[in-house]
Amino acid sequence: MDLFIQTIINGLILGSGYALVAVGLTVIFGTLHIVNFAHGAFFALGAYAVLLLQYAGLPYLMAIPLAVMIVAAIGFLVEVTIVRRALYDRGEHGSIIITFALSQAIVAAIILIVGPDPLPVRSPFGQTAISVFGFFLSAQRLFIAVTSIVVLAAFAMWLRRSVKGQQILAVSQNARGALYSGINVPLIRGLSFLLGVAAAGLAGGLMAPLISAFPTMGDANVIVAFTVVILGGLGSIGGAMLGALVIGLANSLFETYVSVSWTPALGWILVILVLLFWPQGLMGRAQINRH
């Protein structure tokens, strides 16, 4: 019984980390209708931003918010120069090609500037394990889970209660209707892209102490994020959160009671099963004309 409870706790902590990446991805898809294959590259940029800030003498906890701002600034330049000019209202197929190319360009730039070797990122939590009621939790993973929960809760509240948040929801539901109602759709699309890549950068900075910083570190995470987003329902923020918890719990249970080697396939098996019975995902809605 203790093993089962420990496995559930590990799964929930793992799922909360997935949620941060997946919500950023689904905000971009839901509002811009763009399949952002560069999301993993922004994840890596977040980790490298934390690393470079540490080289400059900043402690890890101070480097995290500054790294998010750096990634958001890079995202702003990308949105203005590439996304806004080439991707809006072009559909998913064009976005797949361009964002994949953008991802490769960012990874190549990281290799040219920093090098291809993994670099350790220091954290005050280190490899410390915390015992809570007899169950052991990694201090860094617990920090990731708490940060993710706080950030996602604040983001959900902001979406529901702020004007800009309501406008993001309106544009995600019907961009043309939002435009006719007086909403500055290009501004909201740009803001959504910044929020999405900032979430990826934050996730990268949080995960870096566990896996080190290396140029392609975002690849595996963005694959998991796409699994989560498809499972929860494309464009559904609530679905991304639910899908992240489902994947986290399923992976944790599967690794403990079945096999670690088969775990990567589990997410896609769950996606297939869910889409057979719920074609829009667990919390997705039928697509409407967004353009």
C-alpha atoms as a PDB file:
ATOM      1  CA  MET A   1       0.000   0.000   0.000  1.00  0.00           C
ATOM      2  CA  ASP A   2       2.855   2.372   0.842  1.00  0.00           C
ATOM      3  CA  LEU A   3       4.401   1.699  -2.565  1.00  0.00           C
ATOM      4  CA  PHE A   4       1.101   2.492  -4.298  1.00  0.00           C
ATOM      5  CA  ILE A   5       0.676   5.797  -2.419  1.00  0.00           C
ATOM      6  CA  GLN A   6       4.307   6.741  -3.135  1.00  0.00           C
ATOM      7  CA  THR A   7       3.705   5.960  -6.819  1.00  0.00           C
ATOM      8  CA  ILE A   8       0.574   8.135  -6.903  1.00  0.00           C
ATOM      9  CA  ILE A   9       2.456  11.029  -5.271  1.00  0.00           C
ATOM     10  CA  ASN A  10       5.300  10.673  -7.776  1.00  0.00           C
ATOM     11  CA  GLY A  11       2.782  10.625 -10.633  1.00  0.00           C
ATOM     12  CA  LEU A  12       1.025  13.792  -9.457  1.00  0.00           C
ATOM     13  CA  ILE A  13       4.354  15.612  -9.096  1.00  0.00           C
ATOM     14  CA  LEU A  14       5.431  14.416 -12.546  1.00  0.00           C
ATOM     15  CA  GLY A  15       2.100  15.467 -14.054  1.00  0.00           C
ATOM     16  CA  SER A  16       2.309  18.978 -12.595  1.00  0.00           C
ATOM     17  CA  GLY A  17       5.620  19.456 -14.389  1.00  0.00           C
ATOM     18  CA  TYR A  18       4.120  18.236 -17.673  1.00  0.00           C
ATOM     19  CA  ALA A  19       1.194  20.628 -17.230  1.00  0.00           C
ATOM     20  CA  LEU A  20       3.339  23.755 -17.401  1.00  0.00           C
ATOM     21  CA  VAL A  21       4.803  22.811 -20.788  1.00  0.00           C
ATOM     22  CA  ALA A  22       1.471  21.562 -22.129  1.00  0.00           C
ATOM     23  CA  VAL A  23      -0.515  24.652 -21.099  1.00  0.00           C
ATOM     24  CA  GLY A  24       1.976  26.899 -22.886  1.00  0.00           C
ATOM     25  CA  LEU A  25       1.640  24.765 -25.989  1.00  0.00           C
ATOM     26  CA  THR A  26      -2.154  24.726 -25.885  1.00  0.00           C
ATOM     27  CA  VAL A  27      -2.412  28.504 -25.339  1.00  0.00           C
ATOM     28  CA  ILE A  28      -0.493  29.019 -28.583  1.00  0.00           C
ATOM     29  CA  PHE A  29      -2.579  26.479 -30.468  1.00  0.00           C
ATOM     30  CA  GLY A  30      -5.876  27.593 -29.008  1.00  0.00           C
ATOM     31  CA  THR A  31      -5.389  31.276 -29.759  1.00  0.00           C
ATOM     32  CA  LEU A  32      -3.130  31.291 -32.811  1.00  0.00           C
ATOM     33  CA  HIS A  33      -4.117  27.924 -34.303  1.00  0.00           C
ATOM     34  CA  ILE A  34      -0.400  27.175 -34.666  1.00  0.00           C
ATOM     35  CA  VAL A  35       1.208  23.802 -33.998  1.00  0.00           C
ATOM     36  CA  ASN A  36       4.391  25.060 -32.371  1.00  0.00           C
ATOM     37  CA  PHE A  37       7.182  22.535 -32.878  1.00  0.00           C
ATOM     38  CA  ALA A  38       9.636  25.178 -31.612  1.00  0.00           C
ATOM     39  CA  HIS A  39       8.176  24.843 -28.114  1.00  0.00           C
ATOM     40  CA  GLY A  40      10.960  22.458 -27.086  1.00  0.00           C
ATOM     41  CA  ALA A  41      13.599  24.924 -28.259  1.00  0.00           C
ATOM     42  CA  PHE A  42      12.126  27.628 -25.992  1.00  0.00           C
ATOM     43  CA  PHE A  43      12.191  25.039 -23.194  1.00  0.00           C
ATOM     44  CA  ALA A  44      15.942  24.685 -23.792  1.00  0.00           C
ATOM     45  CA  LEU A  45      16.380  28.474 -23.961  1.00  0.00           C
ATOM     46  CA  GLY A  46      14.871  28.739 -20.475  1.00  0.00           C
ATOM     47  CA  ALA A  47      17.425  26.285 -19.118  1.00  0.00           C
ATOM     48  CA  TYR A  48      20.359  28.036 -20.809  1.00  0.00           C
ATOM     49  CA  ALA A  49      19.129  31.442 -19.657  1.00  0.00           C
ATOM     50  CA  VAL A  50      19.206  30.196 -16.048  1.00  0.00           C
ATOM     51  CA  LEU A  51      22.668  28.728 -16.616  1.00  0.00           C
ATOM     52  CA  LEU A  52      24.103  31.950 -18.075  1.00  0.00           C
ATOM     53  CA  LEU A  53      22.561  34.028 -15.290  1.00  0.00           C
ATOM     54  CA  GLN A  54      24.208  31.710 -12.776  1.00  0.00           C
ATOM     55  CA  TYR A  55      27.525  32.231 -14.559  1.00  0.00           C
ATOM     56  CA  ALA A  56      26.899  35.960 -14.067  1.00  0.00           C
ATOM     57  CA  GLY A  57      26.634  35.380 -10.319  1.00  0.00           C
ATOM     58  CA  LEU A  58      22.882  35.209  -9.732  1.00  0.00           C
ATOM     59  CA  PRO A  59      21.465  32.474  -7.480  1.00  0.00           C
ATOM     60  CA  TYR A  60      19.086  29.933  -8.971  1.00  0.00           C
ATOM     61  CA  LEU A  61      15.893  31.314  -7.429  1.00  0.00           C
ATOM     62  CA  MET A  62      16.648  34.825  -8.725  1.00  0.00           C
ATOM     63  CA  ALA A  63      17.696  33.512 -12.131  1.00  0.00           C
ATOM     64  CA  ILE A  64      14.385  31.729 -12.772  1.00  0.00           C
ATOM     65  CA  PRO A  65      12.117  34.819 -13.213  1.00  0.00           C
ATOM     66  CA  LEU A  66      14.807  36.690 -15.157  1.00  0.00           C
ATOM     67  CA  ALA A  67      15.250  33.681 -17.449  1.00  0.00           C
ATOM     68  CA  VAL A  68      11.506  33.685 -18.147  1.00  0.00           C
ATOM     69  CA  MET A  69      11.729  37.353 -19.107  1.00  0.00           C
ATOM     70  CA  ILE A  70      14.671  36.619 -21.431  1.00  0.00           C
ATOM     71  CA  VAL A  71      12.753  33.804 -23.144  1.00  0.00           C
ATOM     72  CA  ALA A  72       9.693  36.063 -23.449  1.00  0.00           C
ATOM     73  CA  ALA A  73      11.872  38.759 -25.063  1.00  0.00           C
ATOM     74  CA  ILE A  74      13.229  36.239 -27.579  1.00  0.00           C
ATOM     75  CA  GLY A  75       9.674  35.056 -28.154  1.00  0.00           C
ATOM     76  CA  PHE A  76       8.600  38.634 -28.847  1.00  0.00           C
ATOM     77  CA  LEU A  77      11.280  39.004 -31.534  1.00  0.00           C
ATOM     78  CA  VAL A  78      10.281  35.672 -33.088  1.00  0.00           C
ATOM     79  CA  GLU A  79       6.585  36.578 -33.037  1.00  0.00           C
ATOM     80  CA  VAL A  80       7.144  39.963 -34.683  1.00  0.00           C
ATOM     81  CA  THR A  81       9.639  38.840 -37.313  1.00  0.00           C
ATOM     82  CA  ILE A  82       8.448  35.324 -38.192  1.00  0.00           C
ATOM     83  CA  VAL A  83       5.182  34.177 -36.629  1.00  0.00           C
ATOM     84  CA  ARG A  84       3.159  37.315 -37.331  1.00  0.00           C
ATOM     85  CA  ARG A  85       4.401  37.565 -40.903  1.00  0.00           C
ATOM     86  CA  ALA A  86       4.296  33.938 -41.955  1.00  0.00           C
ATOM     87  CA  LEU A  87       1.918  31.909 -39.798  1.00  0.00           C
ATOM     88  CA  TYR A  88      -1.258  33.749 -38.809  1.00  0.00           C
ATOM     89  CA  ASP A  89      -4.312  32.479 -40.672  1.00  0.00           C
ATOM     90  CA  ARG A  90      -2.208  29.985 -42.631  1.00  0.00           C
ATOM     91  CA  GLY A  91      -3.451  26.807 -40.907  1.00  0.00           C
ATOM     92  CA  GLU A  92      -1.598  24.024 -39.121  1.00  0.00           C
ATOM     93  CA  HIS A  93       0.369  22.575 -42.045  1.00  0.00           C
ATOM     94  CA  GLY A  94       2.420  25.684 -42.706  1.00  0.00           C
ATOM     95  CA  SER A  95       3.039  26.194 -39.002  1.00  0.00           C
ATOM     96  CA  ILE A  96       4.441  22.670 -38.617  1.00  0.00           C
ATOM     97  CA  ILE A  97       7.106  23.257 -41.269  1.00  0.00           C
ATOM     98  CA  ILE A  98       8.091  26.748 -40.164  1.00  0.00           C
ATOM     99  CA  THR A  99       8.135  26.087 -36.416  1.00  0.00           C
ATOM    100  CA  PHE A 100      10.135  22.885 -36.947  1.00  0.00           C
ATOM    101  CA  ALA A 101      12.678  24.869 -38.974  1.00  0.00           C
ATOM    102  CA  LEU A 102      12.699  27.540 -36.262  1.00  0.00           C
ATOM    103  CA  SER A 103      13.351  24.855 -33.653  1.00  0.00           C
ATOM    104  CA  GLN A 104      16.341  23.542 -35.576  1.00  0.00           C
ATOM    105  CA  ALA A 105      17.698  27.079 -36.017  1.00  0.00           C
ATOM    106  CA  ILE A 106      17.472  27.781 -32.283  1.00  0.00           C
ATOM    107  CA  VAL A 107      19.168  24.484 -31.404  1.00  0.00           C
ATOM    108  CA  ALA A 108      21.946  25.208 -33.927  1.00  0.00           C
ATOM    109  CA  ALA A 109      22.421  28.682 -32.452  1.00  0.00           C
ATOM    110  CA  ILE A 110      22.701  27.214 -28.940  1.00  0.00           C
ATOM    111  CA  ILE A 111      25.350  24.756 -30.144  1.00  0.00           C
ATOM    112  CA  LEU A 112      27.330  27.534 -31.853  1.00  0.00           C
ATOM    113  CA  ILE A 113      27.201  29.845 -28.825  1.00  0.00           C
ATOM    114  CA  VAL A 114      27.440  27.465 -25.868  1.00  0.00           C
ATOM    115  CA  GLY A 115      28.483  24.128 -27.331  1.00  0.00           C
ATOM    116  CA  PRO A 116      26.848  20.692 -27.577  1.00  0.00           C
ATOM    117  CA  ASP A 117      27.928  19.260 -24.209  1.00  0.00           C
ATOM    118  CA  PRO A 118      25.501  18.946 -21.272  1.00  0.00           C
ATOM    119  CA  LEU A 119      26.141  21.562 -18.600  1.00  0.00           C
ATOM    120  CA  PRO A 120      24.997  21.187 -14.976  1.00  0.00           C
ATOM    121  CA  VAL A 121      22.635  23.770 -13.518  1.00  0.00           C
ATOM    122  CA  ARG A 122      22.979  24.323  -9.790  1.00  0.00           C
ATOM    123  CA  SER A 123      19.969  24.413  -7.501  1.00  0.00           C
ATOM    124  CA  PRO A 124      19.802  25.063  -3.750  1.00  0.00           C
ATOM    125  CA  PHE A 125      17.656  21.939  -3.472  1.00  0.00           C
ATOM    126  CA  GLY A 126      20.321  19.712  -5.005  1.00  0.00           C
ATOM    127  CA  GLN A 127      19.628  16.008  -4.643  1.00  0.00           C
ATOM    128  CA  THR A 128      17.856  16.493  -1.316  1.00  0.00           C
ATOM    129  CA  ALA A 129      14.916  14.235  -0.503  1.00  0.00           C
ATOM    130  CA  ILE A 130      12.179  15.310   1.902  1.00  0.00           C
ATOM    131  CA  SER A 131      10.237  12.867   4.049  1.00  0.00           C
ATOM    132  CA  VAL A 132       6.537  13.697   4.459  1.00  0.00           C
ATOM    133  CA  PHE A 133       4.506  11.261   6.585  1.00  0.00           C
ATOM    134  CA  GLY A 134       7.003   8.556   5.716  1.00  0.00           C
ATOM    135  CA  PHE A 135       6.943   9.207   1.952  1.00  0.00           C
ATOM    136  CA  PHE A 136      10.050  10.523   0.234  1.00  0.00           C
ATOM    137  CA  LEU A 137       9.904  13.406  -2.250  1.00  0.00           C
ATOM    138  CA  SER A 138      12.694  14.950  -4.289  1.00  0.00           C
ATOM    139  CA  ALA A 139      13.091  18.550  -3.109  1.00  0.00           C
ATOM    140  CA  GLN A 140      13.666  19.819  -6.655  1.00  0.00           C
ATOM    141  CA  ARG A 141      10.663  17.932  -8.034  1.00  0.00           C
ATOM    142  CA  LEU A 142       8.545  19.200  -5.170  1.00  0.00           C
ATOM    143  CA  PHE A 143       9.703  22.742  -5.980  1.00  0.00           C
ATOM    144  CA  ILE A 144       8.750  22.184  -9.623  1.00  0.00           C
ATOM    145  CA  ALA A 145       5.307  20.896  -8.623  1.00  0.00           C
ATOM    146  CA  VAL A 146       4.582  23.763  -6.216  1.00  0.00           C
ATOM    147  CA  THR A 147       5.799  26.388  -8.698  1.00  0.00           C
ATOM    148  CA  SER A 148       3.757  24.848 -11.519  1.00  0.00           C
ATOM    149  CA  ILE A 149       0.592  24.710  -9.418  1.00  0.00           C
ATOM    150  CA  VAL A 150       0.974  28.321  -8.253  1.00  0.00           C
ATOM    151  CA  VAL A 151       1.729  29.622 -11.752  1.00  0.00           C
ATOM    152  CA  LEU A 152      -1.106  27.672 -13.405  1.00  0.00           C
ATOM    153  CA  ALA A 153      -3.608  28.691 -10.718  1.00  0.00           C
ATOM    154  CA  ALA A 154      -2.605  32.344 -11.108  1.00  0.00           C
ATOM    155  CA  PHE A 155      -2.833  32.052 -14.891  1.00  0.00           C
ATOM    156  CA  ALA A 156      -6.301  30.472 -14.721  1.00  0.00           C
ATOM    157  CA  MET A 157      -7.496  33.244 -12.408  1.00  0.00           C
ATOM    158  CA  TRP A 158      -6.000  35.894 -14.690  1.00  0.00           C
ATOM    159  CA  LEU A 159      -7.749  34.376 -17.714  1.00  0.00           C
ATOM    160  CA  ARG A 160     -11.126  34.459 -15.988  1.00  0.00           C
ATOM    161  CA  ARG A 161     -10.950  37.819 -14.239  1.00  0.00           C
ATOM    162  CA  SER A 162      -8.791  40.148 -16.328  1.00  0.00           C
ATOM    163  CA  VAL A 163      -9.823  41.952 -19.487  1.00  0.00           C
ATOM    164  CA  LYS A 164      -6.867  40.655 -21.474  1.00  0.00           C
ATOM    165  CA  GLY A 165      -7.527  37.137 -20.235  1.00  0.00           C
ATOM    166  CA  GLN A 166     -11.131  37.332 -21.387  1.00  0.00           C
ATOM    167  CA  GLN A 167      -9.950  38.649 -24.736  1.00  0.00           C
ATOM    168  CA  ILE A 168      -7.566  35.691 -25.124  1.00  0.00           C
ATOM    169  CA  LEU A 169     -10.471  33.317 -24.504  1.00  0.00           C
ATOM    170  CA  ALA A 170     -12.618  35.237 -26.999  1.00  0.00           C
ATOM    171  CA  VAL A 171      -9.959  35.116 -29.715  1.00  0.00           C
ATOM    172  CA  SER A 172      -9.384  31.401 -29.081  1.00  0.00           C
ATOM    173  CA  GLN A 173     -13.103  30.746 -29.596  1.00  0.00           C
ATOM    174  CA  ASN A 174     -13.710  32.971 -32.624  1.00  0.00           C
ATOM    175  CA  ALA A 175     -10.998  35.326 -33.876  1.00  0.00           C
ATOM    176  CA  ARG A 176     -13.239  36.983 -36.487  1.00  0.00           C
ATOM    177  CA  GLY A 177     -16.036  37.583 -33.989  1.00  0.00           C
ATOM    178  CA  ALA A 178     -13.522  38.989 -31.515  1.00  0.00           C
ATOM    179  CA  LEU A 179     -12.203  41.363 -34.180  1.00  0.00           C
ATOM    180  CA  TYR A 180     -15.711  42.586 -35.011  1.00  0.00           C
ATOM    181  CA  SER A 181     -16.358  43.208 -31.312  1.00  0.00           C
ATOM    182  CA  GLY A 182     -13.428  45.613 -31.127  1.00  0.00           C
ATOM    183  CA  ILE A 183     -10.703  43.363 -29.699  1.00  0.00           C
ATOM    184  CA  ASN A 184      -7.185  44.017 -30.970  1.00  0.00           C
ATOM    185  CA  VAL A 185      -6.660  40.488 -32.304  1.00  0.00           C
ATOM    186  CA  PRO A 186      -2.990  40.921 -33.426  1.00  0.00           C
ATOM    187  CA  LEU A 187      -2.106  42.211 -29.945  1.00  0.00           C
ATOM    188  CA  ILE A 188      -3.873  39.309 -28.234  1.00  0.00           C
ATOM    189  CA  ARG A 189      -2.225  36.804 -30.546  1.00  0.00           C
ATOM    190  CA  GLY A 190       1.186  38.274 -29.757  1.00  0.00           C
ATOM    191  CA  LEU A 191       0.451  38.189 -26.024  1.00  0.00           C
ATOM    192  CA  SER A 192      -0.670  34.559 -26.270  1.00  0.00           C
ATOM    193  CA  PHE A 193       2.531  33.573 -28.043  1.00  0.00           C
ATOM    194  CA  LEU A 194       4.618  35.311 -25.374  1.00  0.00           C
ATOM    195  CA  LEU A 195       2.718  33.567 -22.582  1.00  0.00           C
ATOM    196  CA  GLY A 196       3.122  30.202 -24.276  1.00  0.00           C
ATOM    197  CA  VAL A 197       6.878  30.439 -24.824  1.00  0.00           C
ATOM    198  CA  ALA A 198       7.373  31.980 -21.364  1.00  0.00           C
ATOM    199  CA  ALA A 199       5.699  28.891 -19.845  1.00  0.00           C
ATOM    200  CA  ALA A 200       8.073  26.689 -21.844  1.00  0.00           C
ATOM    201  CA  GLY A 201      11.051  28.746 -20.667  1.00  0.00           C
ATOM    202  CA  LEU A 202       9.921  28.495 -17.051  1.00  0.00           C
ATOM    203  CA  ALA A 203       9.557  24.725 -17.365  1.00  0.00           C
ATOM    204  CA  GLY A 204      13.042  24.481 -18.863  1.00  0.00           C
ATOM    205  CA  GLY A 205      14.550  26.503 -16.038  1.00  0.00           C
ATOM    206  CA  LEU A 206      12.791  24.366 -13.443  1.00  0.00           C
ATOM    207  CA  MET A 207      13.794  21.061 -15.034  1.00  0.00           C
ATOM    208  CA  ALA A 208      17.410  21.981 -15.803  1.00  0.00           C
ATOM    209  CA  PRO A 209      18.873  20.974 -12.404  1.00  0.00           C
ATOM    210  CA  LEU A 210      17.432  17.479 -12.883  1.00  0.00           C
ATOM    211  CA  ILE A 211      18.571  16.806 -16.448  1.00  0.00           C
ATOM    212  CA  SER A 212      21.318  19.439 -17.071  1.00  0.00           C
ATOM    213  CA  ALA A 213      21.216  21.925 -19.937  1.00  0.00           C
ATOM    214  CA  PHE A 214      21.872  20.579 -23.432  1.00  0.00           C
ATOM    215  CA  PRO A 215      20.690  21.836 -26.838  1.00  0.00           C
ATOM    216  CA  THR A 216      18.121  19.121 -27.605  1.00  0.00           C
ATOM    217  CA  MET A 217      16.753  18.815 -24.057  1.00  0.00           C
ATOM    218  CA  GLY A 218      13.353  20.106 -25.165  1.00  0.00           C
ATOM    219  CA  ASP A 219      12.719  17.373 -27.744  1.00  0.00           C
ATOM    220  CA  ALA A 220      11.513  14.685 -25.353  1.00  0.00           C
ATOM    221  CA  ASN A 221       9.537  17.194 -23.295  1.00  0.00           C
ATOM    222  CA  VAL A 222       7.714  18.662 -26.272  1.00  0.00           C
ATOM    223  CA  ILE A 223       6.749  15.149 -27.445  1.00  0.00           C
ATOM    224  CA  VAL A 224       5.227  14.491 -24.023  1.00  0.00           C
ATOM    225  CA  ALA A 225       3.547  17.914 -24.169  1.00  0.00           C
ATOM    226  CA  PHE A 226       1.947  17.108 -27.538  1.00  0.00           C
ATOM    227  CA  THR A 227       0.735  13.810 -26.091  1.00  0.00           C
ATOM    228  CA  VAL A 228      -0.796  15.657 -23.154  1.00  0.00           C
ATOM    229  CA  VAL A 229      -2.416  18.313 -25.347  1.00  0.00           C
ATOM    230  CA  ILE A 230      -3.928  15.778 -27.749  1.00  0.00           C
ATOM    231  CA  LEU A 231      -5.164  13.659 -24.861  1.00  0.00           C
ATOM    232  CA  GLY A 232      -6.760  16.609 -23.057  1.00  0.00           C
ATOM    233  CA  GLY A 233      -8.181  18.224 -26.199  1.00  0.00           C
ATOM    234  CA  LEU A 234      -6.497  20.623 -28.605  1.00  0.00           C
ATOM    235  CA  GLY A 235      -6.906  24.208 -27.462  1.00  0.00           C
ATOM    236  CA  SER A 236      -8.351  23.321 -24.039  1.00  0.00           C
ATOM    237  CA  ILE A 237      -6.316  24.686 -21.121  1.00  0.00           C
ATOM    238  CA  GLY A 238      -8.294  22.621 -18.626  1.00  0.00           C
ATOM    239  CA  GLY A 239      -7.794  19.604 -20.858  1.00  0.00           C
ATOM    240  CA  ALA A 240      -4.023  20.177 -20.904  1.00  0.00           C
ATOM    241  CA  MET A 241      -3.964  20.197 -17.097  1.00  0.00           C
ATOM    242  CA  LEU A 242      -6.109  17.066 -16.879  1.00  0.00           C
ATOM    243  CA  GLY A 243      -4.114  15.316 -19.589  1.00  0.00           C
ATOM    244  CA  ALA A 244      -0.855  16.121 -17.785  1.00  0.00           C
ATOM    245  CA  LEU A 245      -2.102  14.538 -14.571  1.00  0.00           C
ATOM    246  CA  VAL A 246      -3.386  11.479 -16.453  1.00  0.00           C
ATOM    247  CA  ILE A 247      -0.052  10.993 -18.253  1.00  0.00           C
ATOM    248  CA  GLY A 248       1.938  11.622 -15.062  1.00  0.00           C
ATOM    249  CA  LEU A 249      -0.077   9.100 -13.057  1.00  0.00           C
ATOM    250  CA  ALA A 250      -0.122   6.543 -15.866  1.00  0.00           C
ATOM    251  CA  ASN A 251       3.636   6.770 -16.409  1.00  0.00           C
ATOM    252  CA  SER A 252       4.373   6.491 -12.707  1.00  0.00           C
ATOM    253  CA  LEU A 253       2.098   3.461 -12.247  1.00  0.00           C
ATOM    254  CA  PHE A 254       3.384   1.802 -15.417  1.00  0.00           C
ATOM    255  CA  GLU A 255       7.036   2.256 -14.449  1.00  0.00           C
ATOM    256  CA  THR A 256       6.414   0.830 -10.974  1.00  0.00           C
ATOM    257  CA  TYR A 257       4.204  -2.132 -11.790  1.00  0.00           C
ATOM    258  CA  VAL A 258       4.918  -2.998 -15.450  1.00  0.00           C
ATOM    259  CA  SER A 259       8.090  -1.871 -17.227  1.00  0.00           C
ATOM    260  CA  VAL A 260      10.143   1.298 -17.612  1.00  0.00           C
ATOM    261  CA  SER A 261      11.141   0.399 -21.179  1.00  0.00           C
ATOM    262  CA  TRP A 262       7.524   0.481 -22.397  1.00  0.00           C
ATOM    263  CA  THR A 263       6.602   3.742 -20.681  1.00  0.00           C
ATOM    264  CA  PRO A 264       7.295   6.039 -23.698  1.00  0.00           C
ATOM    265  CA  ALA A 265       4.675   4.157 -25.708  1.00  0.00           C
ATOM    266  CA  LEU A 266       2.052   4.416 -22.974  1.00  0.00           C
ATOM    267  CA  GLY A 267       1.127   8.041 -23.666  1.00  0.00           C
ATOM    268  CA  TRP A 268       0.421   7.387 -27.332  1.00  0.00           C
ATOM    269  CA  ILE A 269      -1.586   4.277 -26.485  1.00  0.00           C
ATOM    270  CA  LEU A 270      -3.720   6.400 -24.161  1.00  0.00           C
ATOM    271  CA  VAL A 271      -4.126   9.012 -26.907  1.00  0.00           C
ATOM    272  CA  ILE A 272      -5.342   6.357 -29.363  1.00  0.00           C
ATOM    273  CA  LEU A 273      -7.808   4.928 -26.847  1.00  0.00           C
ATOM    274  CA  VAL A 274      -9.168   8.345 -25.875  1.00  0.00           C
ATOM    275  CA  LEU A 275      -9.536   9.534 -29.464  1.00  0.00           C
ATOM    276  CA  LEU A 276     -11.401   6.357 -30.381  1.00  0.00           C
ATOM    277  CA  PHE A 277     -14.138   7.256 -27.894  1.00  0.00           C
ATOM    278  CA  TRP A 278     -13.695  11.042 -27.525  1.00  0.00           C
ATOM    279  CA  PRO A 279     -12.415  12.371 -30.886  1.00  0.00           C
ATOM    280  CA  GLN A 280     -12.000  15.908 -29.481  1.00  0.00           C
ATOM    281  CA  GLY A 281      -9.971  14.680 -26.481  1.00  0.00           C
ATOM    282  CA  LEU A 282     -11.053  14.534 -22.853  1.00  0.00           C
ATOM    283  CA  MET A 283     -12.095  18.202 -22.651  1.00  0.00           C
ATOM    284  CA  GLY A 284     -11.848  19.383 -26.245  1.00  0.00           C
ATOM    285  CA  ARG A 285     -14.634  20.961 -28.246  1.00  0.00           C
ATOM    286  CA  ALA A 286     -15.639  20.694 -31.872  1.00  0.00           C
ATOM    287  CA  GLN A 287     -13.571  23.030 -33.996  1.00  0.00           C
ATOM    288  CA  ILE A 288     -15.168  26.192 -35.282  1.00  0.00           C
ATOM    289  CA  ASN A 289     -14.039  28.719 -37.849  1.00  0.00           C
ATOM    290  CA  ARG A 290     -11.355  30.760 -36.091  1.00  0.00           C
ATOM    291  CA  HIS A 291     -10.155  32.953 -38.952  1.00  0.00           C
END
